[in-house]
Amino acid sequence: MIPLQQLEILDLRHFSAQQLSPLLRDEATRWQRRLHWDYTLASATLLEYLDGRILPGYVALSPAGDHRILGYAFSVFEAAKAVIGDVYAFDETESTRNPVCDTLLHHLIELLQATPGIDRVESQLLMFPTGALSQPFRSAGFRSYPRLFMTASLSSPLNTSHLTPVQNHSLQSWQPEFYEPAAAFIHRCYAGHMDAGINDQYQTLHGSQRFLHNIIRFPGCGIFDPEHSWLMRNSQTRSIEALLLSSRVQPDVAHITQLCVEPALRGRGLGRQLLDHHATNIARAGVKSLSLTVTEANLPAIQLYERNGFTTLHRFEAMVWDKKVRNG
């Protein structure tokens, strides 16, 4: 093992996409093996940004005379917030000891917290199990929100005979004209919700629009699948009362990026009806399994998913540093 004091940490913007390609290929292999997730398109998009030399971050190199790239970390800025997009190093993520990633995070967090105008830093590093990267975050004052990566097999037909159809509602697949009302609906659903403390995009209408735009346009959560993304609408008012958005993370694996129900209507079966409808239809399209993420403290949502055959594959952490809260 290379002593950490001998690692050379350099600005990410000094490196080209070609230089970082082997590291990202290794990371894509790890995503496929651990989470059944084809990460190659997301990696290709990231490589384009890396060639633009615009992402703040760091690269870890082995000691002088070798200068092998061992790992990298980067972030993006969104107004007064920074989001740690990724940290990865060869031969790390699968244990609670990740010295190269820890070192990279210490440098990146120090940079972000010292950046003028940045009041908040968020991170959800899905590949790392709970506790794997706790030290650099906790030492910098971050708050941890444990989350679950859950999966369900669609290899056998779902039993939906127990379901009573929701009255006075209609189901419709995603259409571009739903963008604005869907963003407003997401914002309304997360008012006061625990997840608005993890991702502050939920806290404003503009942020919810940006969140929805990112899901639809960028491959970070898979390739958006409009044919299998559903809105449940009131038959009389035509207002959205439940929403499920889906993406493909590989041809036969789908990921539910969003499932929310009108707050006043929760507990009436809309979410379960929507989830069963989605699973039934996407199984007919050749999808063999579904995945999703959920905050561990959101017990009603977890119970809903477990009743529909989801089990926890992986536990990870969302991390948040909020300067205003700490100094309030």
C-alpha atoms as a PDB file:
ATOM      1  CA  MET A   1       0.000   0.000   0.000  1.00  0.00           C
ATOM      2  CA  ILE A   2       1.301   3.460  -0.904  1.00  0.00           C
ATOM      3  CA  PRO A   3       1.717   5.703   2.172  1.00  0.00           C
ATOM      4  CA  LEU A   4      -0.860   8.457   1.950  1.00  0.00           C
ATOM      5  CA  GLN A   5       1.736  11.151   2.566  1.00  0.00           C
ATOM      6  CA  GLN A   6       3.418  10.067  -0.677  1.00  0.00           C
ATOM      7  CA  LEU A   7       0.305  10.509  -2.797  1.00  0.00           C
ATOM      8  CA  GLU A   8       0.444  13.411  -5.189  1.00  0.00           C
ATOM      9  CA  ILE A   9      -2.859  15.324  -5.399  1.00  0.00           C
ATOM     10  CA  LEU A  10      -3.275  17.557  -8.458  1.00  0.00           C
ATOM     11  CA  ASP A  11      -6.032  19.686  -9.957  1.00  0.00           C
ATOM     12  CA  LEU A  12      -8.431  17.603 -12.069  1.00  0.00           C
ATOM     13  CA  ARG A  13      -8.365  20.241 -14.799  1.00  0.00           C
ATOM     14  CA  HIS A  14      -4.750  19.349 -15.583  1.00  0.00           C
ATOM     15  CA  PHE A  15      -5.877  15.973 -16.960  1.00  0.00           C
ATOM     16  CA  SER A  16      -7.519  14.972 -20.222  1.00  0.00           C
ATOM     17  CA  ALA A  17     -10.346  12.538 -20.788  1.00  0.00           C
ATOM     18  CA  GLN A  18      -7.899  10.151 -22.443  1.00  0.00           C
ATOM     19  CA  GLN A  19      -5.736  10.064 -19.322  1.00  0.00           C
ATOM     20  CA  LEU A  20      -8.731   9.316 -17.080  1.00  0.00           C
ATOM     21  CA  SER A  21     -10.453   6.822 -19.394  1.00  0.00           C
ATOM     22  CA  PRO A  22      -8.910   3.668 -17.818  1.00  0.00           C
ATOM     23  CA  LEU A  23     -10.115   4.753 -14.390  1.00  0.00           C
ATOM     24  CA  LEU A  24     -13.646   5.415 -15.631  1.00  0.00           C
ATOM     25  CA  ARG A  25     -13.752   2.083 -17.488  1.00  0.00           C
ATOM     26  CA  ASP A  26     -12.825   0.338 -14.256  1.00  0.00           C
ATOM     27  CA  GLU A  27     -15.549   2.258 -12.444  1.00  0.00           C
ATOM     28  CA  ALA A  28     -18.147   1.307 -15.073  1.00  0.00           C
ATOM     29  CA  THR A  29     -17.216  -2.357 -14.592  1.00  0.00           C
ATOM     30  CA  ARG A  30     -17.721  -1.975 -10.857  1.00  0.00           C
ATOM     31  CA  TRP A  31     -21.158  -0.389 -11.345  1.00  0.00           C
ATOM     32  CA  GLN A  32     -22.192  -3.288 -13.573  1.00  0.00           C
ATOM     33  CA  ARG A  33     -20.957  -5.932 -11.167  1.00  0.00           C
ATOM     34  CA  ARG A  34     -22.319  -4.457  -7.961  1.00  0.00           C
ATOM     35  CA  LEU A  35     -25.522  -2.639  -8.956  1.00  0.00           C
ATOM     36  CA  HIS A  36     -26.387  -4.184 -12.368  1.00  0.00           C
ATOM     37  CA  TRP A  37     -26.057  -0.714 -13.832  1.00  0.00           C
ATOM     38  CA  ASP A  38     -24.593   0.143 -17.245  1.00  0.00           C
ATOM     39  CA  TYR A  39     -22.561   3.226 -16.383  1.00  0.00           C
ATOM     40  CA  THR A  40     -20.820   3.599 -19.747  1.00  0.00           C
ATOM     41  CA  LEU A  41     -23.067   6.361 -21.105  1.00  0.00           C
ATOM     42  CA  ALA A  42     -22.705   8.387 -17.901  1.00  0.00           C
ATOM     43  CA  SER A  43     -18.936   7.876 -18.122  1.00  0.00           C
ATOM     44  CA  ALA A  44     -18.905   9.060 -21.735  1.00  0.00           C
ATOM     45  CA  THR A  45     -20.784  12.223 -20.764  1.00  0.00           C
ATOM     46  CA  LEU A  46     -18.375  12.836 -17.908  1.00  0.00           C
ATOM     47  CA  LEU A  47     -15.387  12.404 -20.230  1.00  0.00           C
ATOM     48  CA  GLU A  48     -16.761  15.184 -22.433  1.00  0.00           C
ATOM     49  CA  TYR A  49     -16.877  17.499 -19.431  1.00  0.00           C
ATOM     50  CA  LEU A  50     -13.369  16.453 -18.412  1.00  0.00           C
ATOM     51  CA  ASP A  51     -12.032  17.404 -21.824  1.00  0.00           C
ATOM     52  CA  GLY A  52     -13.614  20.821 -21.326  1.00  0.00           C
ATOM     53  CA  ARG A  53     -11.383  21.290 -18.231  1.00  0.00           C
ATOM     54  CA  ILE A  54     -14.255  22.911 -16.327  1.00  0.00           C
ATOM     55  CA  LEU A  55     -14.945  20.527 -13.413  1.00  0.00           C
ATOM     56  CA  PRO A  56     -13.425  21.396 -10.039  1.00  0.00           C
ATOM     57  CA  GLY A  57     -11.781  18.368  -8.482  1.00  0.00           C
ATOM     58  CA  TYR A  58      -8.611  16.423  -7.861  1.00  0.00           C
ATOM     59  CA  VAL A  59      -6.628  13.454  -9.171  1.00  0.00           C
ATOM     60  CA  ALA A  60      -4.501  11.204  -6.961  1.00  0.00           C
ATOM     61  CA  LEU A  61      -1.200  10.007  -8.417  1.00  0.00           C
ATOM     62  CA  SER A  62       1.255   7.409  -7.169  1.00  0.00           C
ATOM     63  CA  PRO A  63       4.634   8.713  -5.933  1.00  0.00           C
ATOM     64  CA  ALA A  64       7.173  10.511  -8.126  1.00  0.00           C
ATOM     65  CA  GLY A  65       8.836   8.298 -10.718  1.00  0.00           C
ATOM     66  CA  ASP A  66       5.632   6.396 -11.392  1.00  0.00           C
ATOM     67  CA  HIS A  67       2.807   8.942 -11.573  1.00  0.00           C
ATOM     68  CA  ARG A  68       0.073   6.404 -12.179  1.00  0.00           C
ATOM     69  CA  ILE A  69      -3.446   7.782 -11.831  1.00  0.00           C
ATOM     70  CA  LEU A  70      -4.997   6.094  -8.803  1.00  0.00           C
ATOM     71  CA  GLY A  71      -8.291   7.962  -8.373  1.00  0.00           C
ATOM     72  CA  TYR A  72     -10.257  11.120  -8.924  1.00  0.00           C
ATOM     73  CA  ALA A  73     -13.010  13.253  -7.411  1.00  0.00           C
ATOM     74  CA  PHE A  74     -15.074  16.065  -8.885  1.00  0.00           C
ATOM     75  CA  SER A  75     -17.922  18.410  -8.071  1.00  0.00           C
ATOM     76  CA  VAL A  76     -20.329  20.726  -9.852  1.00  0.00           C
ATOM     77  CA  PHE A  77     -21.676  24.087  -8.780  1.00  0.00           C
ATOM     78  CA  GLU A  78     -25.372  25.008  -8.713  1.00  0.00           C
ATOM     79  CA  ALA A  79     -25.677  28.652  -7.629  1.00  0.00           C
ATOM     80  CA  ALA A  80     -24.735  28.700  -3.919  1.00  0.00           C
ATOM     81  CA  LYS A  81     -24.525  24.902  -3.708  1.00  0.00           C
ATOM     82  CA  ALA A  82     -21.825  22.399  -4.666  1.00  0.00           C
ATOM     83  CA  VAL A  83     -22.595  18.758  -5.404  1.00  0.00           C
ATOM     84  CA  ILE A  84     -19.849  16.171  -5.095  1.00  0.00           C
ATOM     85  CA  GLY A  85     -20.490  14.226  -8.271  1.00  0.00           C
ATOM     86  CA  ASP A  86     -18.147  11.301  -7.757  1.00  0.00           C
ATOM     87  CA  VAL A  87     -15.059   9.939  -6.083  1.00  0.00           C
ATOM     88  CA  TYR A  88     -13.423   6.734  -7.256  1.00  0.00           C
ATOM     89  CA  ALA A  89     -10.112   4.914  -6.972  1.00  0.00           C
ATOM     90  CA  PHE A  90      -8.829   1.589  -8.261  1.00  0.00           C
ATOM     91  CA  ASP A  91      -9.474  -1.284  -5.819  1.00  0.00           C
ATOM     92  CA  GLU A  92     -11.640   0.813  -3.469  1.00  0.00           C
ATOM     93  CA  THR A  93     -15.382   1.183  -2.609  1.00  0.00           C
ATOM     94  CA  GLU A  94     -15.986  -2.367  -1.395  1.00  0.00           C
ATOM     95  CA  SER A  95     -14.698  -2.001   2.166  1.00  0.00           C
ATOM     96  CA  THR A  96     -14.743   0.513   4.985  1.00  0.00           C
ATOM     97  CA  ARG A  97     -11.123   1.445   4.267  1.00  0.00           C
ATOM     98  CA  ASN A  98     -10.700   3.633   1.190  1.00  0.00           C
ATOM     99  CA  PRO A  99      -7.555   5.698   1.771  1.00  0.00           C
ATOM    100  CA  VAL A 100      -7.187   7.216  -1.700  1.00  0.00           C
ATOM    101  CA  CYS A 101     -10.861   8.266  -1.833  1.00  0.00           C
ATOM    102  CA  ASP A 102     -10.651   9.615   1.713  1.00  0.00           C
ATOM    103  CA  THR A 103      -7.642  11.741   0.765  1.00  0.00           C
ATOM    104  CA  LEU A 104      -9.328  13.052  -2.376  1.00  0.00           C
ATOM    105  CA  LEU A 105     -12.469  13.921  -0.427  1.00  0.00           C
ATOM    106  CA  HIS A 106     -10.518  15.773   2.265  1.00  0.00           C
ATOM    107  CA  HIS A 107      -8.998  17.987  -0.421  1.00  0.00           C
ATOM    108  CA  LEU A 108     -12.255  18.478  -2.333  1.00  0.00           C
ATOM    109  CA  ILE A 109     -14.362  19.260   0.743  1.00  0.00           C
ATOM    110  CA  GLU A 110     -11.760  21.740   1.956  1.00  0.00           C
ATOM    111  CA  LEU A 111     -11.863  23.449  -1.453  1.00  0.00           C
ATOM    112  CA  LEU A 112     -15.652  23.616  -1.580  1.00  0.00           C
ATOM    113  CA  GLN A 113     -16.145  24.872   1.967  1.00  0.00           C
ATOM    114  CA  ALA A 114     -13.583  27.617   1.326  1.00  0.00           C
ATOM    115  CA  THR A 115     -15.137  28.690  -1.994  1.00  0.00           C
ATOM    116  CA  PRO A 116     -16.771  32.128  -1.693  1.00  0.00           C
ATOM    117  CA  GLY A 117     -20.541  32.005  -2.175  1.00  0.00           C
ATOM    118  CA  ILE A 118     -20.906  28.276  -1.487  1.00  0.00           C
ATOM    119  CA  ASP A 119     -23.246  27.785   1.469  1.00  0.00           C
ATOM    120  CA  ARG A 120     -24.175  24.143   0.960  1.00  0.00           C
ATOM    121  CA  VAL A 121     -22.496  20.915  -0.182  1.00  0.00           C
ATOM    122  CA  GLU A 122     -24.418  17.717  -1.011  1.00  0.00           C
ATOM    123  CA  SER A 123     -23.204  14.241  -1.875  1.00  0.00           C
ATOM    124  CA  GLN A 124     -24.760  10.865  -2.642  1.00  0.00           C
ATOM    125  CA  LEU A 125     -21.982   8.414  -3.509  1.00  0.00           C
ATOM    126  CA  LEU A 126     -24.094   5.377  -4.302  1.00  0.00           C
ATOM    127  CA  MET A 127     -21.229   2.913  -4.769  1.00  0.00           C
ATOM    128  CA  PHE A 128     -19.902   3.225  -1.230  1.00  0.00           C
ATOM    129  CA  PRO A 129     -21.563   1.324   1.634  1.00  0.00           C
ATOM    130  CA  THR A 130     -22.580   3.121   4.802  1.00  0.00           C
ATOM    131  CA  GLY A 131     -19.542   4.172   6.815  1.00  0.00           C
ATOM    132  CA  ALA A 132     -17.050   3.704   3.979  1.00  0.00           C
ATOM    133  CA  LEU A 133     -16.399   7.436   3.606  1.00  0.00           C
ATOM    134  CA  SER A 134     -17.666   8.724   6.931  1.00  0.00           C
ATOM    135  CA  GLN A 135     -14.397  10.165   8.217  1.00  0.00           C
ATOM    136  CA  PRO A 136     -13.766  12.965   5.669  1.00  0.00           C
ATOM    137  CA  PHE A 137     -17.420  14.008   5.734  1.00  0.00           C
ATOM    138  CA  ARG A 138     -17.971  13.899   9.475  1.00  0.00           C
ATOM    139  CA  SER A 139     -14.712  15.681  10.234  1.00  0.00           C
ATOM    140  CA  ALA A 140     -15.936  18.508   7.991  1.00  0.00           C
ATOM    141  CA  GLY A 141     -19.304  18.795   9.759  1.00  0.00           C
ATOM    142  CA  PHE A 142     -21.538  16.935   7.299  1.00  0.00           C
ATOM    143  CA  ARG A 143     -24.796  15.319   8.385  1.00  0.00           C
ATOM    144  CA  SER A 144     -25.471  11.735   7.286  1.00  0.00           C
ATOM    145  CA  TYR A 145     -28.784  10.463   5.887  1.00  0.00           C
ATOM    146  CA  PRO A 146     -28.701   6.668   5.401  1.00  0.00           C
ATOM    147  CA  ARG A 147     -30.411   5.521   2.221  1.00  0.00           C
ATOM    148  CA  LEU A 148     -31.281   2.150   0.687  1.00  0.00           C
ATOM    149  CA  PHE A 149     -30.729   0.794  -2.817  1.00  0.00           C
ATOM    150  CA  MET A 150     -33.590  -1.670  -3.329  1.00  0.00           C
ATOM    151  CA  THR A 151     -34.286  -4.152  -6.121  1.00  0.00           C
ATOM    152  CA  ALA A 152     -37.192  -6.360  -7.219  1.00  0.00           C
ATOM    153  CA  SER A 153     -37.219  -9.262  -9.644  1.00  0.00           C
ATOM    154  CA  LEU A 154     -39.845  -9.305 -12.402  1.00  0.00           C
ATOM    155  CA  SER A 155     -39.093 -12.877 -13.439  1.00  0.00           C
ATOM    156  CA  SER A 156     -42.510 -14.097 -12.276  1.00  0.00           C
ATOM    157  CA  PRO A 157     -45.891 -12.415 -12.892  1.00  0.00           C
ATOM    158  CA  LEU A 158     -47.025 -10.007 -10.223  1.00  0.00           C
ATOM    159  CA  ASN A 159     -50.103 -10.872  -8.219  1.00  0.00           C
ATOM    160  CA  THR A 160     -52.346  -7.833  -8.581  1.00  0.00           C
ATOM    161  CA  SER A 161     -55.630  -9.570  -7.765  1.00  0.00           C
ATOM    162  CA  HIS A 162     -55.601  -7.994  -4.291  1.00  0.00           C
ATOM    163  CA  LEU A 163     -55.714  -4.486  -5.718  1.00  0.00           C
ATOM    164  CA  THR A 164     -58.870  -2.443  -5.923  1.00  0.00           C
ATOM    165  CA  PRO A 165     -58.747  -0.027  -8.882  1.00  0.00           C
ATOM    166  CA  VAL A 166     -58.489   3.582  -7.764  1.00  0.00           C
ATOM    167  CA  GLN A 167     -61.721   5.323  -8.667  1.00  0.00           C
ATOM    168  CA  ASN A 168     -61.948   8.604 -10.602  1.00  0.00           C
ATOM    169  CA  HIS A 169     -58.373   8.446 -11.852  1.00  0.00           C
ATOM    170  CA  SER A 170     -56.755   7.775 -15.218  1.00  0.00           C
ATOM    171  CA  LEU A 171     -53.228   6.682 -16.070  1.00  0.00           C
ATOM    172  CA  GLN A 172     -51.210   8.297 -18.837  1.00  0.00           C
ATOM    173  CA  SER A 173     -47.634   7.811 -19.985  1.00  0.00           C
ATOM    174  CA  TRP A 174     -45.222  10.733 -20.030  1.00  0.00           C
ATOM    175  CA  GLN A 175     -45.622  13.489 -22.608  1.00  0.00           C
ATOM    176  CA  PRO A 176     -43.405  16.602 -23.019  1.00  0.00           C
ATOM    177  CA  GLU A 177     -46.294  18.914 -22.131  1.00  0.00           C
ATOM    178  CA  PHE A 178     -46.318  17.442 -18.607  1.00  0.00           C
ATOM    179  CA  TYR A 179     -42.944  18.979 -17.750  1.00  0.00           C
ATOM    180  CA  GLU A 180     -44.175  22.161 -16.026  1.00  0.00           C
ATOM    181  CA  PRO A 181     -47.133  20.667 -14.105  1.00  0.00           C
ATOM    182  CA  ALA A 182     -45.038  17.643 -13.103  1.00  0.00           C
ATOM    183  CA  ALA A 183     -42.276  19.881 -11.702  1.00  0.00           C
ATOM    184  CA  ALA A 184     -44.867  21.854  -9.732  1.00  0.00           C
ATOM    185  CA  PHE A 185     -46.362  18.591  -8.455  1.00  0.00           C
ATOM    186  CA  ILE A 186     -42.949  17.278  -7.323  1.00  0.00           C
ATOM    187  CA  HIS A 187     -42.273  20.546  -5.503  1.00  0.00           C
ATOM    188  CA  ARG A 188     -45.643  20.322  -3.739  1.00  0.00           C
ATOM    189  CA  CYS A 189     -45.129  16.688  -2.734  1.00  0.00           C
ATOM    190  CA  TYR A 190     -41.772  17.388  -1.085  1.00  0.00           C
ATOM    191  CA  ALA A 191     -42.808  20.444   0.925  1.00  0.00           C
ATOM    192  CA  GLY A 192     -41.604  19.666   4.448  1.00  0.00           C
ATOM    193  CA  HIS A 193     -40.455  16.179   3.390  1.00  0.00           C
ATOM    194  CA  MET A 194     -37.246  14.671   4.799  1.00  0.00           C
ATOM    195  CA  ASP A 195     -35.811  14.295   1.300  1.00  0.00           C
ATOM    196  CA  ALA A 196     -35.935  18.070   0.812  1.00  0.00           C
ATOM    197  CA  GLY A 197     -33.229  18.182   3.466  1.00  0.00           C
ATOM    198  CA  ILE A 198     -31.062  15.860   1.371  1.00  0.00           C
ATOM    199  CA  ASN A 199     -31.639  17.498  -2.022  1.00  0.00           C
ATOM    200  CA  ASP A 200     -32.556  21.160  -1.746  1.00  0.00           C
ATOM    201  CA  GLN A 201     -33.820  21.221  -5.344  1.00  0.00           C
ATOM    202  CA  TYR A 202     -37.119  19.970  -3.923  1.00  0.00           C
ATOM    203  CA  GLN A 203     -37.451  23.118  -1.825  1.00  0.00           C
ATOM    204  CA  THR A 204     -38.243  25.487  -4.712  1.00  0.00           C
ATOM    205  CA  LEU A 205     -40.209  25.306  -7.940  1.00  0.00           C
ATOM    206  CA  HIS A 206     -37.143  26.288  -9.950  1.00  0.00           C
ATOM    207  CA  GLY A 207     -35.107  23.589  -8.225  1.00  0.00           C
ATOM    208  CA  SER A 208     -37.782  20.968  -8.950  1.00  0.00           C
ATOM    209  CA  GLN A 209     -37.757  22.013 -12.600  1.00  0.00           C
ATOM    210  CA  ARG A 210     -33.995  21.560 -12.672  1.00  0.00           C
ATOM    211  CA  PHE A 211     -34.293  18.172 -10.946  1.00  0.00           C
ATOM    212  CA  LEU A 212     -36.810  16.994 -13.529  1.00  0.00           C
ATOM    213  CA  HIS A 213     -34.717  18.388 -16.390  1.00  0.00           C
ATOM    214  CA  ASN A 214     -31.670  16.454 -15.169  1.00  0.00           C
ATOM    215  CA  ILE A 215     -33.614  13.182 -14.971  1.00  0.00           C
ATOM    216  CA  ILE A 216     -35.009  13.581 -18.486  1.00  0.00           C
ATOM    217  CA  ARG A 217     -31.960  14.965 -20.282  1.00  0.00           C
ATOM    218  CA  PHE A 218     -28.895  13.442 -18.604  1.00  0.00           C
ATOM    219  CA  PRO A 219     -27.878   9.779 -18.122  1.00  0.00           C
ATOM    220  CA  GLY A 220     -26.738   9.994 -14.496  1.00  0.00           C
ATOM    221  CA  CYS A 221     -29.798   7.998 -13.347  1.00  0.00           C
ATOM    222  CA  GLY A 222     -30.065   5.979 -16.541  1.00  0.00           C
ATOM    223  CA  ILE A 223     -31.768   6.780 -19.833  1.00  0.00           C
ATOM    224  CA  PHE A 224     -35.207   8.289 -19.270  1.00  0.00           C
ATOM    225  CA  ASP A 225     -38.006   5.979 -20.430  1.00  0.00           C
ATOM    226  CA  PRO A 226     -41.088   8.118 -21.250  1.00  0.00           C
ATOM    227  CA  GLU A 227     -43.132   5.127 -22.436  1.00  0.00           C
ATOM    228  CA  HIS A 228     -42.910   3.584 -18.956  1.00  0.00           C
ATOM    229  CA  SER A 229     -43.150   6.758 -16.894  1.00  0.00           C
ATOM    230  CA  TRP A 230     -46.677   7.339 -15.622  1.00  0.00           C
ATOM    231  CA  LEU A 231     -48.936  10.045 -14.289  1.00  0.00           C
ATOM    232  CA  MET A 232     -52.120   9.315 -12.386  1.00  0.00           C
ATOM    233  CA  ARG A 233     -54.567  12.160 -13.022  1.00  0.00           C
ATOM    234  CA  ASN A 234     -57.902  13.098 -11.530  1.00  0.00           C
ATOM    235  CA  SER A 235     -60.538  12.215 -14.154  1.00  0.00           C
ATOM    236  CA  GLN A 236     -62.520  15.379 -13.496  1.00  0.00           C
ATOM    237  CA  THR A 237     -59.938  18.089 -12.756  1.00  0.00           C
ATOM    238  CA  ARG A 238     -57.110  16.480 -14.821  1.00  0.00           C
ATOM    239  CA  SER A 239     -54.683  17.441 -12.062  1.00  0.00           C
ATOM    240  CA  ILE A 240     -51.714  15.146 -11.335  1.00  0.00           C
ATOM    241  CA  GLU A 241     -52.228  13.166  -8.136  1.00  0.00           C
ATOM    242  CA  ALA A 242     -49.437  10.568  -8.427  1.00  0.00           C
ATOM    243  CA  LEU A 243     -46.312  10.284 -10.525  1.00  0.00           C
ATOM    244  CA  LEU A 244     -43.755   7.597 -11.377  1.00  0.00           C
ATOM    245  CA  LEU A 245     -40.677   8.298 -13.510  1.00  0.00           C
ATOM    246  CA  SER A 246     -38.545   5.482 -14.848  1.00  0.00           C
ATOM    247  CA  SER A 247     -35.232   5.063 -16.637  1.00  0.00           C
ATOM    248  CA  ARG A 248     -33.240   2.171 -18.106  1.00  0.00           C
ATOM    249  CA  VAL A 249     -29.902   1.463 -16.492  1.00  0.00           C
ATOM    250  CA  GLN A 250     -29.360  -1.441 -18.866  1.00  0.00           C
ATOM    251  CA  PRO A 251     -31.664  -3.017 -21.457  1.00  0.00           C
ATOM    252  CA  ASP A 252     -33.336  -5.425 -19.023  1.00  0.00           C
ATOM    253  CA  VAL A 253     -33.035  -3.358 -15.811  1.00  0.00           C
ATOM    254  CA  ALA A 254     -35.160  -0.299 -14.993  1.00  0.00           C
ATOM    255  CA  HIS A 255     -34.644   2.253 -12.240  1.00  0.00           C
ATOM    256  CA  ILE A 256     -37.490   4.231 -10.671  1.00  0.00           C
ATOM    257  CA  THR A 257     -36.148   7.762 -10.343  1.00  0.00           C
ATOM    258  CA  GLN A 258     -39.256   9.260  -8.776  1.00  0.00           C
ATOM    259  CA  LEU A 259     -42.473   8.045  -7.149  1.00  0.00           C
ATOM    260  CA  CYS A 260     -44.643  10.566  -5.338  1.00  0.00           C
ATOM    261  CA  VAL A 261     -48.285  10.935  -4.349  1.00  0.00           C
ATOM    262  CA  GLU A 262     -50.352  14.028  -3.558  1.00  0.00           C
ATOM    263  CA  PRO A 263     -49.837  14.533   0.217  1.00  0.00           C
ATOM    264  CA  ALA A 264     -53.566  14.675   1.009  1.00  0.00           C
ATOM    265  CA  LEU A 265     -54.157  11.378  -0.817  1.00  0.00           C
ATOM    266  CA  ARG A 266     -51.362   9.266   0.686  1.00  0.00           C
ATOM    267  CA  GLY A 267     -52.440   5.957   2.185  1.00  0.00           C
ATOM    268  CA  ARG A 268     -55.283   5.434  -0.304  1.00  0.00           C
ATOM    269  CA  GLY A 269     -53.475   3.020  -2.615  1.00  0.00           C
ATOM    270  CA  LEU A 270     -52.465   5.376  -5.425  1.00  0.00           C
ATOM    271  CA  GLY A 271     -48.754   4.681  -5.034  1.00  0.00           C
ATOM    272  CA  ARG A 272     -49.219   0.928  -4.950  1.00  0.00           C
ATOM    273  CA  GLN A 273     -51.530   0.967  -7.961  1.00  0.00           C
ATOM    274  CA  LEU A 274     -49.031   3.059  -9.880  1.00  0.00           C
ATOM    275  CA  LEU A 275     -46.108   0.859  -8.890  1.00  0.00           C
ATOM    276  CA  ASP A 276     -47.922  -2.341  -9.883  1.00  0.00           C
ATOM    277  CA  HIS A 277     -49.023  -0.821 -13.184  1.00  0.00           C
ATOM    278  CA  HIS A 278     -45.459   0.173 -13.956  1.00  0.00           C
ATOM    279  CA  ALA A 279     -43.984  -3.214 -13.019  1.00  0.00           C
ATOM    280  CA  THR A 280     -46.563  -5.130 -15.069  1.00  0.00           C
ATOM    281  CA  ASN A 281     -46.065  -3.036 -18.197  1.00  0.00           C
ATOM    282  CA  ILE A 282     -42.313  -2.835 -18.075  1.00  0.00           C
ATOM    283  CA  ALA A 283     -42.039  -6.601 -17.541  1.00  0.00           C
ATOM    284  CA  ARG A 284     -43.928  -7.053 -20.816  1.00  0.00           C
ATOM    285  CA  ALA A 285     -41.217  -4.917 -22.445  1.00  0.00           C
ATOM    286  CA  GLY A 286     -38.529  -7.389 -21.398  1.00  0.00           C
ATOM    287  CA  VAL A 287     -37.332  -5.807 -18.164  1.00  0.00           C
ATOM    288  CA  LYS A 288     -36.290  -8.432 -15.629  1.00  0.00           C
ATOM    289  CA  SER A 289     -35.677  -6.302 -12.560  1.00  0.00           C
ATOM    290  CA  LEU A 290     -36.376  -2.910 -11.033  1.00  0.00           C
ATOM    291  CA  SER A 291     -34.279  -0.782  -8.701  1.00  0.00           C
ATOM    292  CA  LEU A 292     -34.844   2.394  -6.705  1.00  0.00           C
ATOM    293  CA  THR A 293     -33.370   4.375  -3.822  1.00  0.00           C
ATOM    294  CA  VAL A 294     -35.213   5.490  -0.701  1.00  0.00           C
ATOM    295  CA  THR A 295     -34.270   7.256   2.510  1.00  0.00           C
ATOM    296  CA  GLU A 296     -34.058   4.761   5.372  1.00  0.00           C
ATOM    297  CA  ALA A 297     -36.167   6.938   7.679  1.00  0.00           C
ATOM    298  CA  ASN A 298     -39.036   6.993   5.146  1.00  0.00           C
ATOM    299  CA  LEU A 299     -40.765   3.958   6.612  1.00  0.00           C
ATOM    300  CA  PRO A 300     -44.111   4.247   4.751  1.00  0.00           C
ATOM    301  CA  ALA A 301     -42.287   4.233   1.407  1.00  0.00           C
ATOM    302  CA  ILE A 302     -40.106   1.278   2.398  1.00  0.00           C
ATOM    303  CA  GLN A 303     -43.175  -0.687   3.500  1.00  0.00           C
ATOM    304  CA  LEU A 304     -44.828   0.040   0.147  1.00  0.00           C
ATOM    305  CA  TYR A 305     -41.785  -1.211  -1.747  1.00  0.00           C
ATOM    306  CA  GLU A 306     -41.390  -4.302   0.397  1.00  0.00           C
ATOM    307  CA  ARG A 307     -45.054  -5.233  -0.164  1.00  0.00           C
ATOM    308  CA  ASN A 308     -44.293  -5.069  -3.879  1.00  0.00           C
ATOM    309  CA  GLY A 309     -41.334  -7.437  -3.681  1.00  0.00           C
ATOM    310  CA  PHE A 310     -38.409  -5.045  -3.221  1.00  0.00           C
ATOM    311  CA  THR A 311     -35.510  -6.015  -0.992  1.00  0.00           C
ATOM    312  CA  THR A 312     -32.479  -4.003   0.111  1.00  0.00           C
ATOM    313  CA  LEU A 313     -29.353  -4.757  -1.899  1.00  0.00           C
ATOM    314  CA  HIS A 314     -27.158  -1.974  -0.579  1.00  0.00           C
ATOM    315  CA  ARG A 315     -27.131   0.717   2.144  1.00  0.00           C
ATOM    316  CA  PHE A 316     -25.321   3.984   1.457  1.00  0.00           C
ATOM    317  CA  GLU A 317     -25.234   7.558   2.769  1.00  0.00           C
ATOM    318  CA  ALA A 318     -26.350  10.952   1.564  1.00  0.00           C
ATOM    319  CA  MET A 319     -24.160  13.664   3.086  1.00  0.00           C
ATOM    320  CA  VAL A 320     -25.088  17.326   3.557  1.00  0.00           C
ATOM    321  CA  TRP A 321     -23.179  20.342   4.827  1.00  0.00           C
ATOM    322  CA  ASP A 322     -25.217  23.505   5.236  1.00  0.00           C
ATOM    323  CA  LYS A 323     -23.290  26.598   6.318  1.00  0.00           C
ATOM    324  CA  LYS A 324     -26.472  28.514   7.172  1.00  0.00           C
ATOM    325  CA  VAL A 325     -27.746  25.761   9.450  1.00  0.00           C
ATOM    326  CA  ARG A 326     -24.395  25.377  11.190  1.00  0.00           C
ATOM    327  CA  ASN A 327     -24.055  29.089  11.774  1.00  0.00           C
ATOM    328  CA  GLY A 328     -27.735  29.702  12.516  1.00  0.00           C
END
